[in-house]
Protein backbone atom coordinates (compact mmCIF):
# COMPACT_ATOMS: atom_id res chain seq x y z
CA MET A 1 179.53 -12.10 -131.80
CA ASP A 2 180.24 -13.02 -135.39
CA TYR A 3 183.21 -11.47 -137.13
CA LYS A 4 183.00 -10.85 -140.88
CA THR A 5 185.90 -10.00 -143.18
CA ASN A 6 183.94 -8.58 -146.12
CA SER A 7 185.88 -6.03 -148.13
CA LEU A 8 183.52 -3.11 -148.75
CA PRO A 9 184.08 0.33 -150.31
CA ASP A 10 183.30 1.87 -146.91
CA TYR A 11 181.72 0.74 -143.66
CA GLN A 12 178.89 3.23 -143.27
CA ASN A 13 175.48 1.94 -142.17
CA GLU A 14 174.04 2.21 -145.68
CA THR A 15 176.86 0.14 -147.20
CA LEU A 16 176.58 -2.60 -144.59
CA THR A 17 173.11 -3.57 -145.81
CA LEU A 18 174.59 -4.99 -149.04
CA PRO A 19 176.38 -7.99 -147.46
CA TRP A 20 173.36 -8.59 -145.20
CA ARG A 21 171.23 -9.15 -148.29
CA GLU A 22 173.85 -10.91 -150.46
CA HIS A 23 174.98 -13.40 -147.82
CA ASN A 24 171.69 -13.93 -145.96
CA TYR A 25 173.04 -12.81 -142.59
CA VAL A 26 169.47 -12.31 -141.33
CA CYS A 27 168.80 -16.03 -141.77
CA ASN A 28 172.17 -16.85 -140.21
CA THR A 29 171.39 -14.67 -137.19
CA GLY A 30 168.05 -16.44 -136.70
CA PHE A 31 169.73 -19.83 -136.84
CA ILE A 32 172.43 -18.83 -134.34
CA ARG A 33 169.87 -17.35 -131.95
CA CYS A 34 167.71 -20.48 -132.10
CA VAL A 35 170.63 -22.84 -131.48
CA LEU A 36 172.02 -20.76 -128.62
CA HIS A 37 168.55 -20.41 -127.07
CA ARG A 38 168.08 -24.18 -127.07
CA TYR A 39 171.57 -24.75 -125.74
CA LEU A 40 171.03 -22.35 -122.84
CA GLN A 41 167.66 -23.94 -122.05
CA ASN A 42 169.45 -27.27 -121.57
CA ARG A 43 172.44 -25.88 -119.65
CA LEU A 44 170.94 -23.29 -117.28
CA PRO A 45 168.28 -24.56 -114.86
CA ASP A 46 166.72 -21.11 -114.37
CA TYR A 47 167.19 -19.95 -117.98
CA ASN A 48 165.08 -17.00 -119.10
CA TYR A 49 165.49 -15.64 -122.64
CA GLU A 50 164.94 -12.00 -121.67
CA THR A 51 167.42 -12.22 -118.80
CA HIS A 52 170.17 -14.43 -120.19
CA PHE A 53 170.23 -13.86 -123.94
CA GLY A 54 172.14 -10.73 -124.92
CA GLY A 55 171.39 -10.72 -128.64
CA ALA A 56 173.57 -11.16 -131.69
CA ARG A 57 176.14 -8.80 -133.20
CA TYR A 58 178.11 -8.82 -136.42
CA LEU A 59 181.45 -7.07 -136.49
CA PHE A 60 183.01 -6.18 -139.82
CA VAL A 61 186.72 -6.59 -139.05
CA ARG A 62 187.98 -4.50 -141.97
CA GLY A 63 185.75 -1.63 -140.89
CA MET A 64 187.07 -1.54 -137.33
CA GLN A 65 189.42 1.24 -136.37
CA ARG A 66 192.10 1.00 -133.76
CA ARG A 67 191.56 3.51 -130.98
CA TRP A 68 194.31 4.52 -128.62
CA LEU A 69 193.48 5.17 -124.99
């Protein structure tokens, strides 16, 4: 999970592509995945990428809405 604080006009899917391109988040995601993959290989004796790696997510904090239960 990587939290971003970008201030955008709105947080619709179409608008979220702008910071991805401007700030190279695709490259950043690849780097994080590679480092975590190597770390888990060294720490878990029975490590399997498909089983243990859950992926990467970016959360735009300013676009989150508080939901009451």
